[in-house]
PDB file of N, CA and C in Angstrom:
ATOM      1  N   UNK A   1       0.782  -0.937  -0.098  1.00  0.00           N
ATOM      2  CA  UNK A   1       0.248  -0.015  -0.144  1.00  0.00           C
ATOM      3  C   UNK A   1       0.878   1.199   0.187  1.00  0.00           C
ATOM      4  N   UNK A   2       0.573   2.015  -0.926  1.00  0.00           N
ATOM      5  CA  UNK A   2       1.712   3.325  -1.129  1.00  0.00           C
ATOM      6  C   UNK A   2       0.977   4.334  -0.105  1.00  0.00           C
ATOM      7  N   UNK A   3       1.524   5.121   0.392  1.00  0.00           N
ATOM      8  CA  UNK A   3       1.039   6.297   1.335  1.00  0.00           C
ATOM      9  C   UNK A   3       0.993   7.503   0.247  1.00  0.00           C
ATOM     10  N   UNK A   4      -0.003   8.204   0.247  1.00  0.00           N
ATOM     11  CA  UNK A   4      -0.255   9.569  -0.569  1.00  0.00           C
ATOM     12  C   UNK A   4       0.484  10.735   0.076  1.00  0.00           C
ATOM     13  N   UNK A   5       1.092  10.688   1.440  1.00  0.00           N
ATOM     14  CA  UNK A   5       1.603  11.950   1.743  1.00  0.00           C
ATOM     15  C   UNK A   5       2.979  11.465   1.883  1.00  0.00           C
ATOM     16  N   UNK A   6       3.637  10.579   0.978  1.00  0.00           N
ATOM     17  CA  UNK A   6       4.970  10.457   1.329  1.00  0.00           C
ATOM     18  C   UNK A   6       6.067  11.410   0.488  1.00  0.00           C
ATOM     19  N   UNK A   7       6.886  11.890   1.244  1.00  0.00           N
ATOM     20  CA  UNK A   7       7.867  12.585   0.239  1.00  0.00           C
ATOM     21  C   UNK A   7       9.266  11.869  -0.247  1.00  0.00           C
ATOM     22  N   UNK A   8       8.821  11.590  -1.447  1.00  0.00           N
ATOM     23  CA  UNK A   8       9.782  10.830  -2.235  1.00  0.00           C
ATOM     24  C   UNK A   8      11.370  11.447  -2.024  1.00  0.00           C
ATOM     25  N   UNK A   9      11.310  12.844  -1.769  1.00  0.00           N
ATOM     26  CA  UNK A   9      12.768  13.597  -1.778  1.00  0.00           C
ATOM     27  C   UNK A   9      13.285  13.154  -0.722  1.00  0.00           C
ATOM     28  N   UNK A  10      12.953  12.855   0.385  1.00  0.00           N
ATOM     29  CA  UNK A  10      13.427  12.437   1.597  1.00  0.00           C
ATOM     30  C   UNK A  10      14.137  11.063   1.156  1.00  0.00           C
ATOM     31  N   UNK A  11      13.504  10.079   0.610  1.00  0.00           N
ATOM     32  CA  UNK A  11      13.631   8.826   0.293  1.00  0.00           C
ATOM     33  C   UNK A  11      14.895   8.581  -0.539  1.00  0.00           C
ATOM     34  N   UNK A  12      14.955   9.419  -1.570  1.00  0.00           N
ATOM     35  CA  UNK A  12      16.123  10.161  -2.268  1.00  0.00           C
ATOM     36  C   UNK A  12      17.114  10.226  -1.439  1.00  0.00           C
ATOM     37  N   UNK A  13      17.296  11.404  -0.678  1.00  0.00           N
ATOM     38  CA  UNK A  13      18.212  11.671   0.047  1.00  0.00           C
ATOM     39  C   UNK A  13      18.932  10.878   1.035  1.00  0.00           C
ATOM     40  N   UNK A  14      18.205  10.231   1.603  1.00  0.00           N
ATOM     41  CA  UNK A  14      18.599   8.725   2.200  1.00  0.00           C
ATOM     42  C   UNK A  14      19.377   7.795   1.276  1.00  0.00           C
ATOM     43  N   UNK A  15      18.732   7.585   0.193  1.00  0.00           N
ATOM     44  CA  UNK A  15      19.463   6.669  -0.682  1.00  0.00           C
ATOM     45  C   UNK A  15      20.649   7.269  -1.160  1.00  0.00           C
ATOM     46  N   UNK A  16      20.844   8.668  -1.521  1.00  0.00           N
ATOM     47  CA  UNK A  16      22.167   9.592  -1.866  1.00  0.00           C
ATOM     48  C   UNK A  16      23.031   9.124  -0.694  1.00  0.00           C
ATOM     49  N   UNK A  17      22.615   9.578   0.633  1.00  0.00           N
ATOM     50  CA  UNK A  17      23.389   9.134   1.819  1.00  0.00           C
ATOM     51  C   UNK A  17      23.885   7.836   1.818  1.00  0.00           C
ATOM     52  N   UNK A  18      23.370   6.784   1.711  1.00  0.00           N
ATOM     53  CA  UNK A  18      23.717   5.357   1.684  1.00  0.00           C
ATOM     54  C   UNK A  18      24.877   5.117   0.703  1.00  0.00           C
ATOM     55  N   UNK A  19      24.430   5.684  -0.739  1.00  0.00           N
ATOM     56  CA  UNK A  19      25.739   5.172  -1.829  1.00  0.00           C
ATOM     57  C   UNK A  19      26.787   5.998  -1.524  1.00  0.00           C
ATOM     58  N   UNK A  20      26.719   7.260  -0.858  1.00  0.00           N
ATOM     59  CA  UNK A  20      27.758   7.979  -0.654  1.00  0.00           C
ATOM     60  C   UNK A  20      29.015   7.145   0.324  1.00  0.00           C
ATOM     61  N   UNK A  21      28.003   6.794   1.568  1.00  0.00           N
ATOM     62  CA  UNK A  21      28.707   5.857   2.715  1.00  0.00           C
ATOM     63  C   UNK A  21      29.581   4.704   1.644  1.00  0.00           C
ATOM     64  N   UNK A  22      28.839   4.110   0.843  1.00  0.00           N
ATOM     65  CA  UNK A  22      29.312   2.735   0.540  1.00  0.00           C
ATOM     66  C   UNK A  22      30.264   3.016  -0.306  1.00  0.00           C
ATOM     67  N   UNK A  23      30.434   3.961  -1.099  1.00  0.00           N
ATOM     68  CA  UNK A  23      31.468   4.946  -2.290  1.00  0.00           C
ATOM     69  C   UNK A  23      32.534   4.901  -1.213  1.00  0.00           C
ATOM     70  N   UNK A  24      32.368   5.681  -0.216  1.00  0.00           N
ATOM     71  CA  UNK A  24      33.505   6.319   0.718  1.00  0.00           C
ATOM     72  C   UNK A  24      34.138   5.218   1.471  1.00  0.00           C
ATOM     73  N   UNK A  25      33.635   4.146   2.034  1.00  0.00           N
ATOM     74  CA  UNK A  25      34.317   2.902   2.624  1.00  0.00           C
ATOM     75  C   UNK A  25      35.067   1.858   1.586  1.00  0.00           C
ATOM     76  N   UNK A  26      34.448   2.009   0.328  1.00  0.00           N
ATOM     77  CA  UNK A  26      35.004   1.019  -0.597  1.00  0.00           C
ATOM     78  C   UNK A  26      36.277   1.583  -1.250  1.00  0.00           C
ATOM     79  N   UNK A  27      36.068   2.936  -1.572  1.00  0.00           N
ATOM     80  CA  UNK A  27      37.049   3.404  -1.970  1.00  0.00           C
ATOM     81  C   UNK A  27      38.278   3.612  -1.276  1.00  0.00           C
ATOM     82  N   UNK A  28      38.254   3.912   0.475  1.00  0.00           N
ATOM     83  CA  UNK A  28      39.170   3.791   1.552  1.00  0.00           C
ATOM     84  C   UNK A  28      39.924   2.355   1.536  1.00  0.00           C
ATOM     85  N   UNK A  29      39.106   1.461   1.248  1.00  0.00           N
ATOM     86  CA  UNK A  29      39.432  -0.001   1.824  1.00  0.00           C
ATOM     87  C   UNK A  29      40.335  -0.226   0.190  1.00  0.00           C
ATOM     88  N   UNK A  30      39.791  -0.091  -0.726  1.00  0.00           N
ATOM     89  CA  UNK A  30      40.807  -0.329  -2.016  1.00  0.00           C
ATOM     90  C   UNK A  30      41.839   0.342  -2.511  1.00  0.00           C
ATOM     91  N   UNK A  31      41.842   1.787  -1.937  1.00  0.00           N
ATOM     92  CA  UNK A  31      42.679   2.682  -2.707  1.00  0.00           C
ATOM     93  C   UNK A  31      44.055   2.484  -2.010  1.00  0.00           C
ATOM     94  N   UNK A  32      45.238   2.401  -3.187  1.00  0.00           N
ATOM     95  CA  UNK A  32      46.568   2.089  -2.414  1.00  0.00           C
ATOM     96  C   UNK A  32      47.123   2.962  -1.766  1.00  0.00           C
ATOM     97  N   UNK A  33      47.965   2.519  -0.628  1.00  0.00           N
ATOM     98  CA  UNK A  33      48.131   4.058  -0.004  1.00  0.00           C
ATOM     99  C   UNK A  33      49.250   4.865  -0.458  1.00  0.00           C
ATOM    100  N   UNK A  34      49.800   4.548  -1.429  1.00  0.00           N
ATOM    101  CA  UNK A  34      50.528   5.291  -2.422  1.00  0.00           C
ATOM    102  C   UNK A  34      49.886   6.756  -2.872  1.00  0.00           C
ATOM    103  N   UNK A  35      48.442   6.522  -3.163  1.00  0.00           N
ATOM    104  CA  UNK A  35      47.600   7.496  -3.700  1.00  0.00           C
ATOM    105  C   UNK A  35      46.930   8.146  -2.486  1.00  0.00           C
ATOM    106  N   UNK A  36      47.052   7.866  -1.044  1.00  0.00           N
ATOM    107  CA  UNK A  36      46.460   8.708  -0.133  1.00  0.00           C
ATOM    108  C   UNK A  36      47.778   9.609   0.727  1.00  0.00           C
ATOM    109  N   UNK A  37      47.986  10.566  -0.142  1.00  0.00           N
ATOM    110  CA  UNK A  37      48.573  11.534  -0.161  1.00  0.00           C
ATOM    111  C   UNK A  37      47.994  12.682   0.431  1.00  0.00           C
ATOM    112  N   UNK A  38      48.469  13.227   1.828  1.00  0.00           N
ATOM    113  CA  UNK A  38      47.562  14.375   2.236  1.00  0.00           C
ATOM    114  C   UNK A  38      48.142  15.577   1.409  1.00  0.00           C
ATOM    115  N   UNK A  39      49.255  15.548   0.808  1.00  0.00           N
ATOM    116  CA  UNK A  39      49.647  16.703  -0.250  1.00  0.00           C
ATOM    117  C   UNK A  39      48.376  17.087  -1.274  1.00  0.00           C
ATOM    118  N   UNK A  40      47.976  15.965  -1.808  1.00  0.00           N
ATOM    119  CA  UNK A  40      47.019  15.660  -2.845  1.00  0.00           C
ATOM    120  C   UNK A  40      45.639  16.767  -2.587  1.00  0.00           C
ATOM    121  N   UNK A  41      45.462  17.672  -3.527  1.00  0.00           N
ATOM    122  CA  UNK A  41      44.219  18.254  -3.577  1.00  0.00           C
ATOM    123  C   UNK A  41      43.177  17.532  -3.503  1.00  0.00           C
ATOM    124  N   UNK A  42      43.239  16.527  -4.519  1.00  0.00           N
ATOM    125  CA  UNK A  42      41.741  15.670  -4.712  1.00  0.00           C
ATOM    126  C   UNK A  42      41.535  14.865  -3.671  1.00  0.00           C
ATOM    127  N   UNK A  43      42.679  14.322  -3.101  1.00  0.00           N
ATOM    128  CA  UNK A  43      42.462  13.594  -1.705  1.00  0.00           C
ATOM    129  C   UNK A  43      41.960  14.222  -0.598  1.00  0.00           C
ATOM    130  N   UNK A  44      42.448  15.361  -0.479  1.00  0.00           N
ATOM    131  CA  UNK A  44      41.835  16.406   0.472  1.00  0.00           C
ATOM    132  C   UNK A  44      40.374  16.789   0.201  1.00  0.00           C
ATOM    133  N   UNK A  45      40.194  17.041  -0.940  1.00  0.00           N
ATOM    134  CA  UNK A  45      38.645  17.396  -1.294  1.00  0.00           C
ATOM    135  C   UNK A  45      37.952  16.033  -0.933  1.00  0.00           C
ATOM    136  N   UNK A  46      38.136  15.176  -1.595  1.00  0.00           N
ATOM    137  CA  UNK A  46      37.577  13.414  -1.075  1.00  0.00           C
ATOM    138  C   UNK A  46      37.521  13.247   0.276  1.00  0.00           C
ATOM    139  N   UNK A  47      38.409  13.487   1.048  1.00  0.00           N
ATOM    140  CA  UNK A  47      38.381  13.365   2.407  1.00  0.00           C
ATOM    141  C   UNK A  47      37.430  14.100   3.270  1.00  0.00           C
ATOM    142  N   UNK A  48      37.233  15.667   2.673  1.00  0.00           N
ATOM    143  CA  UNK A  48      36.510  16.305   3.348  1.00  0.00           C
ATOM    144  C   UNK A  48      35.078  16.191   2.973  1.00  0.00           C
ATOM    145  N   UNK A  49      34.619  15.624   1.697  1.00  0.00           N
ATOM    146  CA  UNK A  49      33.013  15.651   1.515  1.00  0.00           C
ATOM    147  C   UNK A  49      32.806  13.977   1.938  1.00  0.00           C
ATOM    148  N   UNK A  50      33.927  13.006   2.385  1.00  0.00           N
ATOM    149  CA  UNK A  50      33.505  11.763   2.935  1.00  0.00           C
ATOM    150  C   UNK A  50      33.248  12.285   4.394  1.00  0.00           C
ATOM    151  N   UNK A  51      33.634  12.855   4.750  1.00  0.00           N
ATOM    152  CA  UNK A  51      33.408  13.371   6.426  1.00  0.00           C
ATOM    153  C   UNK A  51      32.000  13.838   6.521  1.00  0.00           C
ATOM    154  N   UNK A  52      31.387  14.402   5.056  1.00  0.00           N
ATOM    155  CA  UNK A  52      30.096  15.123   5.265  1.00  0.00           C
ATOM    156  C   UNK A  52      28.951  13.857   5.103  1.00  0.00           C
ATOM    157  N   UNK A  53      29.594  12.412   4.830  1.00  0.00           N
ATOM    158  CA  UNK A  53      28.244  11.540   4.297  1.00  0.00           C
ATOM    159  C   UNK A  53      27.470  11.166   5.236  1.00  0.00           C
ATOM    160  N   UNK A  54      28.201  10.895   6.837  1.00  0.00           N
ATOM    161  CA  UNK A  54      27.623  10.399   7.726  1.00  0.00           C
ATOM    162  C   UNK A  54      26.704  11.352   8.587  1.00  0.00           C
ATOM    163  N   UNK A  55      27.048  12.682   8.408  1.00  0.00           N
ATOM    164  CA  UNK A  55      26.033  13.756   9.064  1.00  0.00           C
ATOM    165  C   UNK A  55      25.019  13.960   7.921  1.00  0.00           C
ATOM    166  N   UNK A  56      25.390  13.820   6.698  1.00  0.00           N
ATOM    167  CA  UNK A  56      24.268  14.007   5.667  1.00  0.00           C
ATOM    168  C   UNK A  56      22.994  12.882   5.726  1.00  0.00           C
ATOM    169  N   UNK A  57      23.658  11.588   5.870  1.00  0.00           N
ATOM    170  CA  UNK A  57      22.537  10.509   6.265  1.00  0.00           C
ATOM    171  C   UNK A  57      21.717  10.687   7.414  1.00  0.00           C
ATOM    172  N   UNK A  58      22.552  10.905   8.818  1.00  0.00           N
ATOM    173  CA  UNK A  58      21.822  11.095   9.870  1.00  0.00           C
ATOM    174  C   UNK A  58      20.631  12.474   9.692  1.00  0.00           C
ATOM    175  N   UNK A  59      21.286  13.202   9.096  1.00  0.00           N
ATOM    176  CA  UNK A  59      20.444  14.405   9.121  1.00  0.00           C
ATOM    177  C   UNK A  59      18.754  13.983   8.339  1.00  0.00           C
ATOM    178  N   UNK A  60      19.160  13.382   6.977  1.00  0.00           N
ATOM    179  CA  UNK A  60      17.775  13.007   6.155  1.00  0.00           C
ATOM    180  C   UNK A  60      17.176  11.862   6.968  1.00  0.00           C
ATOM    181  N   UNK A  61      17.601  10.775   7.529  1.00  0.00           N
ATOM    182  CA  UNK A  61      17.146   9.970   8.151  1.00  0.00           C
ATOM    183  C   UNK A  61      16.096  10.578   9.310  1.00  0.00           C
ATOM    184  N   UNK A  62      16.740  11.234  10.160  1.00  0.00           N
ATOM    185  CA  UNK A  62      15.830  12.154  11.367  1.00  0.00           C
ATOM    186  C   UNK A  62      15.114  12.951  10.340  1.00  0.00           C
ATOM    187  N   UNK A  63      15.317  13.526   9.509  1.00  0.00           N
ATOM    188  CA  UNK A  63      14.035  14.505   8.869  1.00  0.00           C
ATOM    189  C   UNK A  63      13.105  13.521   8.663  1.00  0.00           C
ATOM    190  N   UNK A  64      13.350  12.717   7.920  1.00  0.00           N
ATOM    191  CA  UNK A  64      12.216  11.737   7.290  1.00  0.00           C
ATOM    192  C   UNK A  64      11.212  10.912   8.506  1.00  0.00           C
ATOM    193  N   UNK A  65      12.065  10.668   9.659  1.00  0.00           N
ATOM    194  CA  UNK A  65      11.568  10.367  10.955  1.00  0.00           C
ATOM    195  C   UNK A  65      10.390  11.511  11.387  1.00  0.00           C
ATOM    196  N   UNK A  66      11.167  12.700  11.551  1.00  0.00           N
ATOM    197  CA  UNK A  66      10.147  13.904  12.142  1.00  0.00           C
ATOM    198  C   UNK A  66       8.897  13.865  11.098  1.00  0.00           C
ATOM    199  N   UNK A  67       8.948  13.479   9.472  1.00  0.00           N
ATOM    200  CA  UNK A  67       7.974  13.960   8.770  1.00  0.00           C
ATOM    201  C   UNK A  67       7.246  12.855   8.794  1.00  0.00           C
ATOM    202  N   UNK A  68       7.473  11.774   9.130  1.00  0.00           N
ATOM    203  CA  UNK A  68       6.896  10.355   9.441  1.00  0.00           C
ATOM    204  C   UNK A  68       5.667  10.447  11.065  1.00  0.00           C
ATOM    205  N   UNK A  69       6.615  10.724  11.457  1.00  0.00           N
ATOM    206  CA  UNK A  69       5.895  10.832  13.296  1.00  0.00           C
ATOM    207  C   UNK A  69       5.139  11.830  13.575  1.00  0.00           C
ATOM    208  N   UNK A  70       5.552  13.204  13.387  1.00  0.00           N
ATOM    209  CA  UNK A  70       4.760  14.343  13.540  1.00  0.00           C
ATOM    210  C   UNK A  70       3.572  14.714  12.801  1.00  0.00           C
ATOM    211  N   UNK A  71       2.492  15.109  13.319  1.00  0.00           N
ATOM    212  CA  UNK A  71       1.378  15.542  12.429  1.00  0.00           C
ATOM    213  C   UNK A  71       0.692  16.768  12.704  1.00  0.00           C
ATOM    214  N   UNK A  72       0.201  17.025  11.675  1.00  0.00           N
ATOM    215  CA  UNK A  72      -0.383  18.546  11.761  1.00  0.00           C
ATOM    216  C   UNK A  72      -1.827  18.846  11.404  1.00  0.00           C
ATOM    217  N   UNK A  73      -2.664  18.856  12.580  1.00  0.00           N
ATOM    218  CA  UNK A  73      -4.012  18.702  12.239  1.00  0.00           C
ATOM    219  C   UNK A  73      -4.817  20.110  12.790  1.00  0.00           C
ATOM    220  N   UNK A  74      -5.515  20.413  11.976  1.00  0.00           N
ATOM    221  CA  UNK A  74      -6.430  21.839  12.371  1.00  0.00           C
ATOM    222  C   UNK A  74      -5.791  22.950  13.443  1.00  0.00           C
ATOM    223  N   UNK A  75      -4.393  23.250  12.963  1.00  0.00           N
ATOM    224  CA  UNK A  75      -3.846  24.219  13.296  1.00  0.00           C
ATOM    225  C   UNK A  75      -3.042  23.704  14.312  1.00  0.00           C
ATOM    226  N   UNK A  76      -2.970  22.473  15.033  1.00  0.00           N
ATOM    227  CA  UNK A  76      -2.154  21.806  16.045  1.00  0.00           C
ATOM    228  C   UNK A  76      -1.464  21.164  15.642  1.00  0.00           C
ATOM    229  N   UNK A  77      -0.172  21.161  16.361  1.00  0.00           N
ATOM    230  CA  UNK A  77       1.029  20.130  16.217  1.00  0.00           C
ATOM    231  C   UNK A  77       0.772  19.147  17.106  1.00  0.00           C
ATOM    232  N   UNK A  78       0.586  17.955  16.393  1.00  0.00           N
ATOM    233  CA  UNK A  78       0.646  16.602  17.153  1.00  0.00           C
ATOM    234  C   UNK A  78       1.812  16.060  17.022  1.00  0.00           C
ATOM    235  N   UNK A  79       2.344  15.377  18.322  1.00  0.00           N
ATOM    236  CA  UNK A  79       3.534  14.652  18.385  1.00  0.00           C
ATOM    237  C   UNK A  79       3.420  13.473  19.130  1.00  0.00           C
ATOM    238  N   UNK A  80       3.398  12.171  18.722  1.00  0.00           N
ATOM    239  CA  UNK A  80       3.124  11.091  19.285  1.00  0.00           C
ATOM    240  C   UNK A  80       3.759  10.760  20.380  1.00  0.00           C
ATOM    241  N   UNK A  81       3.364   9.898  21.731  1.00  0.00           N
ATOM    242  CA  UNK A  81       4.181  10.080  22.734  1.00  0.00           C
ATOM    243  C   UNK A  81       3.404   9.439  23.843  1.00  0.00           C
ATOM    244  N   UNK A  82       3.839   9.168  24.712  1.00  0.00           N
ATOM    245  CA  UNK A  82       3.421   8.649  26.116  1.00  0.00           C
ATOM    246  C   UNK A  82       2.578   9.911  26.567  1.00  0.00           C
ATOM    247  N   UNK A  83       1.450   9.190  27.043  1.00  0.00           N
ATOM    248  CA  UNK A  83       0.439  10.195  27.695  1.00  0.00           C
ATOM    249  C   UNK A  83       0.568   9.910  29.357  1.00  0.00           C
ATOM    250  N   UNK A  84       0.593  10.701  29.903  1.00  0.00           N
ATOM    251  CA  UNK A  84       0.626  11.233  31.291  1.00  0.00           C
ATOM    252  C   UNK A  84      -0.429  10.862  31.960  1.00  0.00           C
TER     253      UNK A  84
END
């Protein structure tokens, strides 16, 4: 069953995050130490953006969680949780 209110953009963002994590770990594991030169601007660029993939994924997953759980009805923000 398909949810009509589903935001496809959030799924795409999470998929991009997962693919960037896989790419980063794969390249790091298979790249020869000869090419892991700290003086190389290309390697520094790649290392910087590799460091952003986990925060990007966690942010997009958290945003998707918020959109899935928090509801807005009749001008009232409803956050499900324990009732006291």
